[in-house]
N, C-alpha and C. Protein backbone atom coordinates (compact mmCIF):
# COMPACT_ATOMS: atom_id res chain seq x y z
N MET A 1 2.52 2.86 -10.84
CA MET A 1 1.89 1.68 -10.25
C MET A 1 0.88 1.09 -11.24
N LYS A 2 0.90 -0.20 -11.37
CA LYS A 2 0.01 -0.88 -12.31
C LYS A 2 -1.43 -0.86 -11.78
N ASP A 3 -2.35 -0.57 -12.66
CA ASP A 3 -3.78 -0.53 -12.29
C ASP A 3 -4.42 -1.86 -12.64
N ASN A 4 -4.67 -2.68 -11.65
CA ASN A 4 -5.27 -4.00 -11.88
C ASN A 4 -6.78 -4.01 -11.66
N LEU A 5 -7.38 -2.86 -11.42
CA LEU A 5 -8.82 -2.85 -11.16
C LEU A 5 -9.66 -2.17 -12.24
N THR A 6 -9.08 -1.29 -13.02
CA THR A 6 -9.85 -0.64 -14.06
C THR A 6 -10.05 -1.63 -15.21
N PRO A 7 -11.30 -1.87 -15.60
CA PRO A 7 -11.55 -2.83 -16.69
C PRO A 7 -10.93 -2.36 -18.00
N ASP A 8 -10.62 -3.32 -18.84
CA ASP A 8 -10.15 -2.99 -20.18
C ASP A 8 -11.33 -2.72 -21.11
N TYR A 9 -12.42 -3.46 -20.88
CA TYR A 9 -13.63 -3.31 -21.69
C TYR A 9 -14.84 -3.48 -20.77
N MET A 10 -15.89 -2.75 -21.09
CA MET A 10 -17.15 -2.90 -20.36
C MET A 10 -18.31 -3.00 -21.35
N PHE A 11 -19.24 -3.84 -21.02
CA PHE A 11 -20.45 -4.04 -21.82
C PHE A 11 -21.65 -4.06 -20.90
N GLY A 12 -22.82 -3.82 -21.46
CA GLY A 12 -24.04 -3.84 -20.68
C GLY A 12 -24.49 -5.24 -20.28
N THR A 13 -24.08 -6.25 -21.06
CA THR A 13 -24.43 -7.64 -20.80
C THR A 13 -23.45 -8.53 -21.57
N TYR A 14 -23.31 -9.76 -21.14
CA TYR A 14 -22.43 -10.70 -21.85
C TYR A 14 -22.85 -10.85 -23.31
N ARG A 15 -24.15 -10.71 -23.61
CA ARG A 15 -24.65 -10.91 -24.97
C ARG A 15 -24.09 -9.89 -25.97
N GLU A 16 -23.61 -8.77 -25.47
CA GLU A 16 -23.03 -7.74 -26.34
C GLU A 16 -21.60 -8.07 -26.76
N ILE A 17 -21.01 -9.05 -26.11
CA ILE A 17 -19.63 -9.44 -26.41
C ILE A 17 -19.67 -10.44 -27.56
N THR A 18 -19.33 -9.98 -28.73
CA THR A 18 -19.48 -10.81 -29.93
C THR A 18 -18.16 -11.50 -30.28
N PRO A 19 -18.25 -12.61 -31.01
CA PRO A 19 -17.02 -13.24 -31.50
C PRO A 19 -16.19 -12.28 -32.35
N GLU A 20 -16.84 -11.41 -33.09
CA GLU A 20 -16.12 -10.44 -33.93
C GLU A 20 -15.29 -9.50 -33.06
N PHE A 21 -15.89 -9.01 -31.98
CA PHE A 21 -15.14 -8.14 -31.06
C PHE A 21 -13.93 -8.88 -30.49
N LEU A 22 -14.16 -10.10 -30.02
CA LEU A 22 -13.08 -10.89 -29.43
C LEU A 22 -11.95 -11.13 -30.43
N LYS A 23 -12.31 -11.52 -31.65
CA LYS A 23 -11.30 -11.76 -32.68
C LYS A 23 -10.51 -10.49 -32.99
N GLU A 24 -11.23 -9.37 -33.08
CA GLU A 24 -10.58 -8.09 -33.35
C GLU A 24 -9.54 -7.76 -32.28
N LYS A 25 -9.80 -8.16 -31.06
CA LYS A 25 -8.88 -7.90 -29.94
C LYS A 25 -7.85 -9.01 -29.76
N GLY A 26 -7.88 -10.02 -30.62
CA GLY A 26 -6.93 -11.12 -30.53
C GLY A 26 -7.24 -12.11 -29.41
N ILE A 27 -8.48 -12.11 -28.95
CA ILE A 27 -8.89 -12.99 -27.86
C ILE A 27 -9.43 -14.29 -28.44
N ARG A 28 -8.79 -15.39 -28.09
CA ARG A 28 -9.19 -16.72 -28.56
C ARG A 28 -9.82 -17.56 -27.46
N ALA A 29 -9.78 -17.03 -26.22
CA ALA A 29 -10.35 -17.78 -25.09
C ALA A 29 -10.86 -16.82 -24.03
N LEU A 30 -11.98 -17.22 -23.42
CA LEU A 30 -12.57 -16.45 -22.33
C LEU A 30 -12.67 -17.31 -21.08
N LEU A 31 -12.27 -16.75 -19.95
CA LEU A 31 -12.46 -17.38 -18.65
C LEU A 31 -13.60 -16.61 -18.00
N ILE A 32 -14.73 -17.29 -17.80
CA ILE A 32 -16.00 -16.61 -17.53
C ILE A 32 -16.57 -16.96 -16.17
N ASP A 33 -16.95 -15.92 -15.44
CA ASP A 33 -17.68 -16.06 -14.19
C ASP A 33 -19.12 -16.45 -14.52
N ILE A 34 -19.81 -17.08 -13.58
CA ILE A 34 -21.21 -17.45 -13.79
C ILE A 34 -22.15 -16.45 -13.14
N ASP A 35 -22.07 -16.39 -11.81
CA ASP A 35 -23.06 -15.67 -11.02
C ASP A 35 -23.02 -14.16 -11.24
N ASN A 36 -24.15 -13.62 -11.65
CA ASN A 36 -24.37 -12.22 -11.94
C ASN A 36 -23.64 -11.73 -13.18
N THR A 37 -22.92 -12.63 -13.85
CA THR A 37 -22.30 -12.31 -15.14
C THR A 37 -23.14 -12.92 -16.26
N LEU A 38 -23.38 -14.22 -16.16
CA LEU A 38 -24.22 -14.93 -17.13
C LEU A 38 -25.66 -15.08 -16.65
N ALA A 39 -25.82 -15.30 -15.36
CA ALA A 39 -27.14 -15.57 -14.78
C ALA A 39 -27.15 -15.15 -13.31
N PRO A 40 -28.33 -14.80 -12.80
CA PRO A 40 -28.40 -14.50 -11.37
C PRO A 40 -28.16 -15.76 -10.54
N TYR A 41 -27.78 -15.56 -9.29
CA TYR A 41 -27.52 -16.69 -8.39
C TYR A 41 -28.69 -17.67 -8.36
N GLU A 42 -29.89 -17.15 -8.46
CA GLU A 42 -31.10 -17.97 -8.32
C GLU A 42 -31.40 -18.81 -9.55
N GLN A 43 -30.71 -18.59 -10.64
CA GLN A 43 -30.97 -19.32 -11.89
C GLN A 43 -30.04 -20.53 -11.96
N PRO A 44 -30.55 -21.73 -11.72
CA PRO A 44 -29.67 -22.90 -11.63
C PRO A 44 -29.12 -23.39 -12.97
N ASP A 45 -29.82 -23.13 -14.06
CA ASP A 45 -29.44 -23.65 -15.36
C ASP A 45 -29.32 -22.53 -16.38
N PRO A 46 -28.45 -22.70 -17.39
CA PRO A 46 -28.36 -21.69 -18.43
C PRO A 46 -29.64 -21.66 -19.27
N ASP A 47 -30.05 -20.46 -19.66
CA ASP A 47 -31.23 -20.35 -20.50
C ASP A 47 -30.82 -20.45 -21.98
N ASP A 48 -31.79 -20.33 -22.87
CA ASP A 48 -31.52 -20.46 -24.30
C ASP A 48 -30.53 -19.41 -24.81
N ALA A 49 -30.64 -18.18 -24.27
CA ALA A 49 -29.74 -17.10 -24.71
C ALA A 49 -28.29 -17.42 -24.34
N ILE A 50 -28.07 -17.95 -23.16
CA ILE A 50 -26.72 -18.32 -22.73
C ILE A 50 -26.18 -19.44 -23.61
N ARG A 51 -27.00 -20.46 -23.84
CA ARG A 51 -26.55 -21.58 -24.68
C ARG A 51 -26.24 -21.10 -26.10
N ALA A 52 -27.06 -20.23 -26.63
CA ALA A 52 -26.83 -19.71 -27.99
C ALA A 52 -25.54 -18.88 -28.05
N TRP A 53 -25.28 -18.09 -27.01
CA TRP A 53 -24.07 -17.27 -26.97
C TRP A 53 -22.82 -18.17 -26.97
N PHE A 54 -22.84 -19.21 -26.14
CA PHE A 54 -21.70 -20.13 -26.11
C PHE A 54 -21.55 -20.87 -27.44
N GLU A 55 -22.65 -21.22 -28.07
CA GLU A 55 -22.59 -21.88 -29.38
C GLU A 55 -21.95 -20.95 -30.41
N SER A 56 -22.30 -19.67 -30.36
CA SER A 56 -21.72 -18.68 -31.27
C SER A 56 -20.22 -18.56 -31.04
N LEU A 57 -19.79 -18.56 -29.78
CA LEU A 57 -18.35 -18.52 -29.50
C LEU A 57 -17.66 -19.73 -30.11
N LYS A 58 -18.25 -20.90 -29.86
CA LYS A 58 -17.66 -22.16 -30.35
C LYS A 58 -17.57 -22.17 -31.87
N GLU A 59 -18.64 -21.76 -32.54
CA GLU A 59 -18.66 -21.73 -34.01
C GLU A 59 -17.58 -20.81 -34.58
N ASN A 60 -17.17 -19.83 -33.78
CA ASN A 60 -16.17 -18.87 -34.23
C ASN A 60 -14.78 -19.15 -33.67
N GLY A 61 -14.61 -20.33 -33.10
CA GLY A 61 -13.29 -20.73 -32.62
C GLY A 61 -12.84 -20.10 -31.32
N ILE A 62 -13.77 -19.52 -30.58
CA ILE A 62 -13.43 -18.93 -29.28
C ILE A 62 -13.64 -19.98 -28.20
N ARG A 63 -12.59 -20.31 -27.48
CA ARG A 63 -12.68 -21.29 -26.40
C ARG A 63 -13.21 -20.61 -25.14
N ALA A 64 -13.85 -21.40 -24.29
CA ALA A 64 -14.43 -20.84 -23.07
C ALA A 64 -14.32 -21.82 -21.92
N ALA A 65 -14.13 -21.25 -20.74
CA ALA A 65 -14.15 -22.04 -19.51
C ALA A 65 -14.90 -21.24 -18.46
N LEU A 66 -15.65 -21.92 -17.63
CA LEU A 66 -16.31 -21.30 -16.50
C LEU A 66 -15.34 -21.32 -15.32
N VAL A 67 -15.12 -20.16 -14.73
CA VAL A 67 -14.23 -20.06 -13.57
C VAL A 67 -15.01 -19.29 -12.50
N SER A 68 -15.49 -20.02 -11.52
CA SER A 68 -16.40 -19.47 -10.52
C SER A 68 -15.87 -19.66 -9.11
N ASN A 69 -16.16 -18.71 -8.25
CA ASN A 69 -15.86 -18.88 -6.83
C ASN A 69 -16.96 -19.65 -6.12
N ASN A 70 -18.04 -19.97 -6.82
CA ASN A 70 -19.13 -20.72 -6.22
C ASN A 70 -18.72 -22.19 -6.06
N HIS A 71 -19.54 -22.94 -5.35
CA HIS A 71 -19.23 -24.32 -4.98
C HIS A 71 -19.61 -25.31 -6.09
N PRO A 72 -19.02 -26.52 -6.04
CA PRO A 72 -19.24 -27.51 -7.10
C PRO A 72 -20.70 -27.79 -7.47
N PRO A 73 -21.62 -27.95 -6.52
CA PRO A 73 -23.00 -28.26 -6.95
C PRO A 73 -23.58 -27.19 -7.89
N ARG A 74 -23.32 -25.91 -7.59
CA ARG A 74 -23.82 -24.82 -8.43
C ARG A 74 -23.16 -24.85 -9.80
N VAL A 75 -21.84 -24.93 -9.83
CA VAL A 75 -21.10 -24.87 -11.09
C VAL A 75 -21.39 -26.10 -11.96
N GLU A 76 -21.39 -27.27 -11.35
CA GLU A 76 -21.65 -28.51 -12.11
C GLU A 76 -23.05 -28.51 -12.71
N ARG A 77 -24.04 -28.08 -11.95
CA ARG A 77 -25.40 -28.05 -12.50
C ARG A 77 -25.50 -27.05 -13.64
N PHE A 78 -24.94 -25.85 -13.45
CA PHE A 78 -25.01 -24.83 -14.50
C PHE A 78 -24.32 -25.31 -15.76
N ASN A 79 -23.25 -26.04 -15.61
CA ASN A 79 -22.45 -26.50 -16.75
C ASN A 79 -22.98 -27.78 -17.39
N GLU A 80 -23.95 -28.42 -16.77
CA GLU A 80 -24.43 -29.72 -17.24
C GLU A 80 -24.79 -29.73 -18.72
N THR A 81 -25.55 -28.75 -19.18
CA THR A 81 -25.96 -28.72 -20.59
C THR A 81 -24.95 -28.00 -21.48
N LEU A 82 -24.02 -27.24 -20.87
CA LEU A 82 -23.03 -26.52 -21.66
C LEU A 82 -21.83 -27.40 -22.01
N GLY A 83 -21.44 -28.25 -21.09
CA GLY A 83 -20.31 -29.14 -21.33
C GLY A 83 -18.97 -28.45 -21.49
N LEU A 84 -18.78 -27.36 -20.78
CA LEU A 84 -17.53 -26.60 -20.87
C LEU A 84 -16.52 -27.09 -19.83
N LEU A 85 -15.32 -26.68 -19.98
CA LEU A 85 -14.34 -26.82 -18.93
C LEU A 85 -14.84 -25.91 -17.80
N ALA A 86 -14.91 -26.42 -16.59
CA ALA A 86 -15.48 -25.62 -15.50
C ALA A 86 -14.71 -25.82 -14.21
N PHE A 87 -14.50 -24.72 -13.50
CA PHE A 87 -13.77 -24.73 -12.24
C PHE A 87 -14.64 -24.06 -11.17
N SER A 88 -14.84 -24.74 -10.06
CA SER A 88 -15.57 -24.18 -8.93
C SER A 88 -14.58 -23.88 -7.82
N ASP A 89 -15.04 -23.16 -6.81
CA ASP A 89 -14.18 -22.77 -5.68
C ASP A 89 -12.81 -22.30 -6.19
N SER A 90 -12.83 -21.43 -7.19
CA SER A 90 -11.60 -21.06 -7.90
C SER A 90 -10.67 -20.15 -7.10
N GLY A 91 -11.19 -19.51 -6.09
CA GLY A 91 -10.34 -18.64 -5.28
C GLY A 91 -9.95 -17.34 -5.96
N LYS A 92 -10.72 -16.92 -6.97
CA LYS A 92 -10.40 -15.62 -7.60
C LYS A 92 -10.39 -14.56 -6.50
N PRO A 93 -9.42 -13.70 -6.50
CA PRO A 93 -8.54 -13.31 -7.59
C PRO A 93 -7.24 -14.10 -7.70
N SER A 94 -7.10 -15.18 -7.01
CA SER A 94 -5.89 -16.00 -7.10
C SER A 94 -5.64 -16.43 -8.55
N ARG A 95 -4.39 -16.50 -8.92
CA ARG A 95 -4.00 -16.84 -10.28
C ARG A 95 -4.08 -18.33 -10.58
N LYS A 96 -4.05 -19.17 -9.55
CA LYS A 96 -3.89 -20.61 -9.73
C LYS A 96 -4.91 -21.21 -10.70
N THR A 97 -6.19 -20.99 -10.46
CA THR A 97 -7.22 -21.59 -11.31
C THR A 97 -7.25 -20.96 -12.69
N LEU A 98 -7.02 -19.66 -12.77
CA LEU A 98 -6.99 -19.00 -14.09
C LEU A 98 -5.87 -19.59 -14.95
N GLU A 99 -4.71 -19.76 -14.36
CA GLU A 99 -3.57 -20.36 -15.08
C GLU A 99 -3.88 -21.80 -15.48
N LYS A 100 -4.50 -22.55 -14.59
CA LYS A 100 -4.86 -23.94 -14.88
C LYS A 100 -5.86 -24.01 -16.03
N ALA A 101 -6.83 -23.10 -16.03
CA ALA A 101 -7.83 -23.08 -17.11
C ALA A 101 -7.17 -22.78 -18.45
N MET A 102 -6.26 -21.81 -18.48
CA MET A 102 -5.57 -21.49 -19.73
C MET A 102 -4.74 -22.67 -20.22
N LYS A 103 -4.04 -23.31 -19.31
CA LYS A 103 -3.22 -24.46 -19.69
C LYS A 103 -4.09 -25.58 -20.26
N THR A 104 -5.22 -25.85 -19.62
CA THR A 104 -6.11 -26.91 -20.08
C THR A 104 -6.72 -26.56 -21.43
N LEU A 105 -7.05 -25.28 -21.65
CA LEU A 105 -7.59 -24.84 -22.94
C LEU A 105 -6.52 -24.77 -24.02
N GLY A 106 -5.26 -24.76 -23.62
CA GLY A 106 -4.17 -24.68 -24.59
C GLY A 106 -3.98 -23.29 -25.16
N VAL A 107 -4.17 -22.27 -24.33
CA VAL A 107 -4.03 -20.88 -24.79
C VAL A 107 -3.03 -20.14 -23.91
N THR A 108 -2.56 -19.02 -24.43
CA THR A 108 -1.57 -18.20 -23.73
C THR A 108 -2.23 -16.96 -23.13
N HIS A 109 -1.44 -16.26 -22.33
CA HIS A 109 -1.92 -15.01 -21.74
C HIS A 109 -2.32 -14.00 -22.81
N GLY A 110 -1.57 -13.96 -23.90
CA GLY A 110 -1.81 -12.97 -24.95
C GLY A 110 -3.08 -13.19 -25.75
N GLU A 111 -3.72 -14.33 -25.58
CA GLU A 111 -4.94 -14.61 -26.35
C GLU A 111 -6.13 -14.94 -25.46
N THR A 112 -6.04 -14.61 -24.17
CA THR A 112 -7.09 -14.95 -23.21
C THR A 112 -7.56 -13.70 -22.48
N ALA A 113 -8.85 -13.64 -22.17
CA ALA A 113 -9.42 -12.55 -21.36
C ALA A 113 -10.32 -13.16 -20.28
N VAL A 114 -10.59 -12.34 -19.27
CA VAL A 114 -11.49 -12.72 -18.18
C VAL A 114 -12.77 -11.92 -18.33
N LEU A 115 -13.90 -12.58 -18.13
CA LEU A 115 -15.21 -11.93 -18.17
C LEU A 115 -15.91 -12.13 -16.84
N GLY A 116 -16.33 -11.04 -16.22
CA GLY A 116 -17.05 -11.14 -14.96
C GLY A 116 -17.77 -9.85 -14.60
N ASP A 117 -18.31 -9.83 -13.38
CA ASP A 117 -19.07 -8.66 -12.94
C ASP A 117 -18.42 -7.92 -11.77
N GLN A 118 -17.33 -8.44 -11.23
CA GLN A 118 -16.71 -7.82 -10.07
C GLN A 118 -15.27 -7.42 -10.35
N LEU A 119 -14.92 -6.22 -9.95
CA LEU A 119 -13.56 -5.75 -10.16
C LEU A 119 -12.58 -6.41 -9.20
N LEU A 120 -13.00 -6.62 -7.96
CA LEU A 120 -12.08 -7.13 -6.95
C LEU A 120 -11.76 -8.61 -7.11
N THR A 121 -12.57 -9.34 -7.84
CA THR A 121 -12.28 -10.76 -8.07
C THR A 121 -11.97 -11.00 -9.54
N ASP A 122 -12.88 -10.67 -10.42
CA ASP A 122 -12.72 -10.98 -11.85
C ASP A 122 -11.66 -10.11 -12.52
N ALA A 123 -11.82 -8.78 -12.43
CA ALA A 123 -10.86 -7.88 -13.09
C ALA A 123 -9.47 -8.05 -12.48
N TYR A 124 -9.37 -7.97 -11.17
CA TYR A 124 -8.06 -8.09 -10.54
C TYR A 124 -7.44 -9.46 -10.81
N GLY A 125 -8.26 -10.50 -10.73
CA GLY A 125 -7.75 -11.85 -10.97
C GLY A 125 -7.09 -11.98 -12.32
N GLY A 126 -7.71 -11.42 -13.34
CA GLY A 126 -7.13 -11.50 -14.68
C GLY A 126 -5.99 -10.52 -14.89
N LYS A 127 -6.21 -9.29 -14.50
CA LYS A 127 -5.23 -8.25 -14.83
C LYS A 127 -3.90 -8.44 -14.11
N HIS A 128 -3.92 -8.99 -12.90
CA HIS A 128 -2.63 -9.13 -12.21
C HIS A 128 -1.77 -10.25 -12.80
N ILE A 129 -2.34 -11.03 -13.74
CA ILE A 129 -1.52 -12.00 -14.48
C ILE A 129 -1.45 -11.65 -15.97
N GLY A 130 -1.86 -10.42 -16.30
CA GLY A 130 -1.69 -9.94 -17.66
C GLY A 130 -2.84 -10.21 -18.62
N LEU A 131 -4.01 -10.59 -18.11
CA LEU A 131 -5.17 -10.83 -18.97
C LEU A 131 -6.06 -9.60 -19.01
N PRO A 132 -6.61 -9.24 -20.16
CA PRO A 132 -7.58 -8.16 -20.21
C PRO A 132 -8.84 -8.55 -19.43
N ALA A 133 -9.45 -7.55 -18.80
CA ALA A 133 -10.67 -7.77 -18.03
C ALA A 133 -11.86 -7.15 -18.75
N ILE A 134 -12.86 -7.99 -19.01
CA ILE A 134 -14.12 -7.54 -19.60
C ILE A 134 -15.15 -7.61 -18.47
N ILE A 135 -15.77 -6.48 -18.17
CA ILE A 135 -16.70 -6.40 -17.05
C ILE A 135 -18.09 -6.02 -17.53
N VAL A 136 -19.09 -6.68 -16.95
CA VAL A 136 -20.49 -6.34 -17.18
C VAL A 136 -21.11 -6.00 -15.83
N PRO A 137 -22.15 -5.17 -15.80
CA PRO A 137 -22.81 -4.90 -14.53
C PRO A 137 -23.47 -6.18 -14.01
N PRO A 138 -23.52 -6.35 -12.70
CA PRO A 138 -24.17 -7.54 -12.16
C PRO A 138 -25.64 -7.58 -12.54
N ILE A 139 -26.15 -8.77 -12.81
CA ILE A 139 -27.53 -8.93 -13.21
C ILE A 139 -28.49 -8.58 -12.07
N HIS A 140 -28.30 -9.21 -10.94
CA HIS A 140 -29.07 -8.92 -9.72
C HIS A 140 -28.08 -8.88 -8.58
N ASP A 141 -27.65 -7.67 -8.24
CA ASP A 141 -26.62 -7.57 -7.22
C ASP A 141 -27.17 -7.85 -5.83
N LYS A 142 -26.33 -8.43 -5.01
CA LYS A 142 -26.70 -8.64 -3.61
C LYS A 142 -26.67 -7.29 -2.92
N THR A 143 -27.50 -7.12 -1.92
CA THR A 143 -27.60 -5.82 -1.26
C THR A 143 -27.08 -5.85 0.17
N ASN A 144 -26.42 -6.94 0.56
CA ASN A 144 -25.90 -6.96 1.92
C ASN A 144 -24.73 -5.97 2.05
N LEU A 145 -24.34 -5.71 3.27
CA LEU A 145 -23.33 -4.70 3.56
C LEU A 145 -22.00 -4.99 2.85
N PHE A 146 -21.59 -6.25 2.83
CA PHE A 146 -20.34 -6.64 2.19
C PHE A 146 -20.34 -6.27 0.71
N PHE A 147 -21.39 -6.62 -0.01
CA PHE A 147 -21.45 -6.32 -1.44
C PHE A 147 -21.60 -4.83 -1.69
N ARG A 148 -22.35 -4.12 -0.85
CA ARG A 148 -22.47 -2.67 -1.02
C ARG A 148 -21.11 -2.01 -0.84
N PHE A 149 -20.34 -2.49 0.12
CA PHE A 149 -19.00 -1.94 0.35
C PHE A 149 -18.09 -2.23 -0.86
N LYS A 150 -18.15 -3.46 -1.38
CA LYS A 150 -17.34 -3.80 -2.55
C LYS A 150 -17.70 -2.90 -3.74
N ARG A 151 -18.98 -2.67 -3.96
CA ARG A 151 -19.39 -1.82 -5.09
C ARG A 151 -18.92 -0.39 -4.89
N LEU A 152 -18.91 0.08 -3.64
CA LEU A 152 -18.40 1.41 -3.34
C LEU A 152 -16.92 1.51 -3.69
N LEU A 153 -16.15 0.48 -3.37
CA LEU A 153 -14.73 0.45 -3.71
C LEU A 153 -14.49 0.43 -5.22
N GLU A 154 -15.42 -0.15 -5.97
CA GLU A 154 -15.26 -0.26 -7.42
C GLU A 154 -15.52 1.06 -8.15
N ARG A 155 -16.32 1.94 -7.57
CA ARG A 155 -16.75 3.15 -8.28
C ARG A 155 -15.63 3.99 -8.88
N PRO A 156 -14.54 4.27 -8.15
CA PRO A 156 -13.49 5.11 -8.77
C PRO A 156 -12.90 4.49 -10.04
N TYR A 157 -12.82 3.19 -10.07
CA TYR A 157 -12.24 2.50 -11.23
C TYR A 157 -13.22 2.48 -12.40
N ILE A 158 -14.50 2.36 -12.10
CA ILE A 158 -15.52 2.45 -13.15
C ILE A 158 -15.56 3.88 -13.68
N ARG A 159 -15.44 4.85 -12.78
CA ARG A 159 -15.41 6.26 -13.18
C ARG A 159 -14.21 6.51 -14.10
N LYS A 160 -13.07 5.93 -13.75
CA LYS A 160 -11.87 6.08 -14.57
C LYS A 160 -12.11 5.51 -15.97
N TYR A 161 -12.72 4.33 -16.03
CA TYR A 161 -13.04 3.73 -17.32
C TYR A 161 -13.99 4.64 -18.11
N ALA A 162 -15.03 5.13 -17.44
CA ALA A 162 -16.03 5.98 -18.09
C ALA A 162 -15.42 7.27 -18.61
N LYS A 163 -14.50 7.83 -17.85
CA LYS A 163 -13.85 9.07 -18.28
C LYS A 163 -13.04 8.84 -19.56
N LYS A 164 -12.40 7.70 -19.63
CA LYS A 164 -11.57 7.39 -20.80
C LYS A 164 -12.39 6.95 -22.01
N HIS A 165 -13.46 6.17 -21.77
CA HIS A 165 -14.20 5.55 -22.86
C HIS A 165 -15.61 6.09 -23.07
N GLY A 166 -16.08 6.94 -22.17
CA GLY A 166 -17.44 7.45 -22.25
C GLY A 166 -18.39 6.60 -21.42
N ALA A 167 -19.28 7.25 -20.73
CA ALA A 167 -20.21 6.55 -19.84
C ALA A 167 -21.44 6.11 -20.63
N GLU A 168 -21.72 4.84 -20.58
CA GLU A 168 -22.92 4.28 -21.19
C GLU A 168 -24.07 4.38 -20.19
N PRO A 169 -25.32 4.31 -20.64
CA PRO A 169 -26.45 4.40 -19.72
C PRO A 169 -26.42 3.34 -18.61
N TRP A 170 -25.95 2.13 -18.91
CA TRP A 170 -25.94 1.08 -17.91
C TRP A 170 -24.92 1.33 -16.81
N MET A 171 -24.02 2.28 -17.02
CA MET A 171 -23.03 2.59 -15.99
C MET A 171 -23.66 3.27 -14.78
N ALA A 172 -24.92 3.64 -14.90
CA ALA A 172 -25.63 4.21 -13.75
C ALA A 172 -25.64 3.23 -12.59
N PHE A 173 -25.52 1.95 -12.88
CA PHE A 173 -25.47 0.98 -11.80
C PHE A 173 -24.37 1.34 -10.80
N TRP A 174 -23.22 1.77 -11.33
CA TRP A 174 -22.11 2.13 -10.45
C TRP A 174 -22.15 3.59 -10.05
N LYS A 175 -23.23 4.28 -10.44
CA LYS A 175 -23.42 5.69 -10.12
C LYS A 175 -22.27 6.56 -10.65
N VAL A 176 -21.88 6.29 -11.89
CA VAL A 176 -20.83 7.04 -12.54
C VAL A 176 -21.36 8.40 -12.95
N LYS A 177 -20.62 9.44 -12.63
CA LYS A 177 -21.01 10.81 -13.02
C LYS A 177 -19.87 11.49 -13.72
């Protein structure tokens, strides 16, 4: 059975994902979640670090699109200074918006990856259509019952990744042992 939930790569933050790493893996395009991946929900605009990271991707020929399940006002405001291709209400893990983003960017499955903080939306959304999943721990996770349950479901897959690749200190978020 195909494992669509175990990440292909994990990093402590999006800032650790360098153009050199992406090029080494043959990744020419990233489909990127916003909330808790790049910025907390409460942060309406990208900060200098986010803008610099996207500029570094661009300078190195890495294409990027924002693909968010959040609503248009949030996504449009966040993207205002970035000027990226952006999709709101994307319905992840549905393939429709991910495929549309790749087509618009002019890239194939073999050169595209998904970056996000959730296995059930970001990782599954990409992996079930053949894209590698790059996962970072959420910046400020929600603590309601729904999100706590989702994080509980993610733990075995994070544990599987950690067993194969080694547990980093930031994996404590998922309580990996």
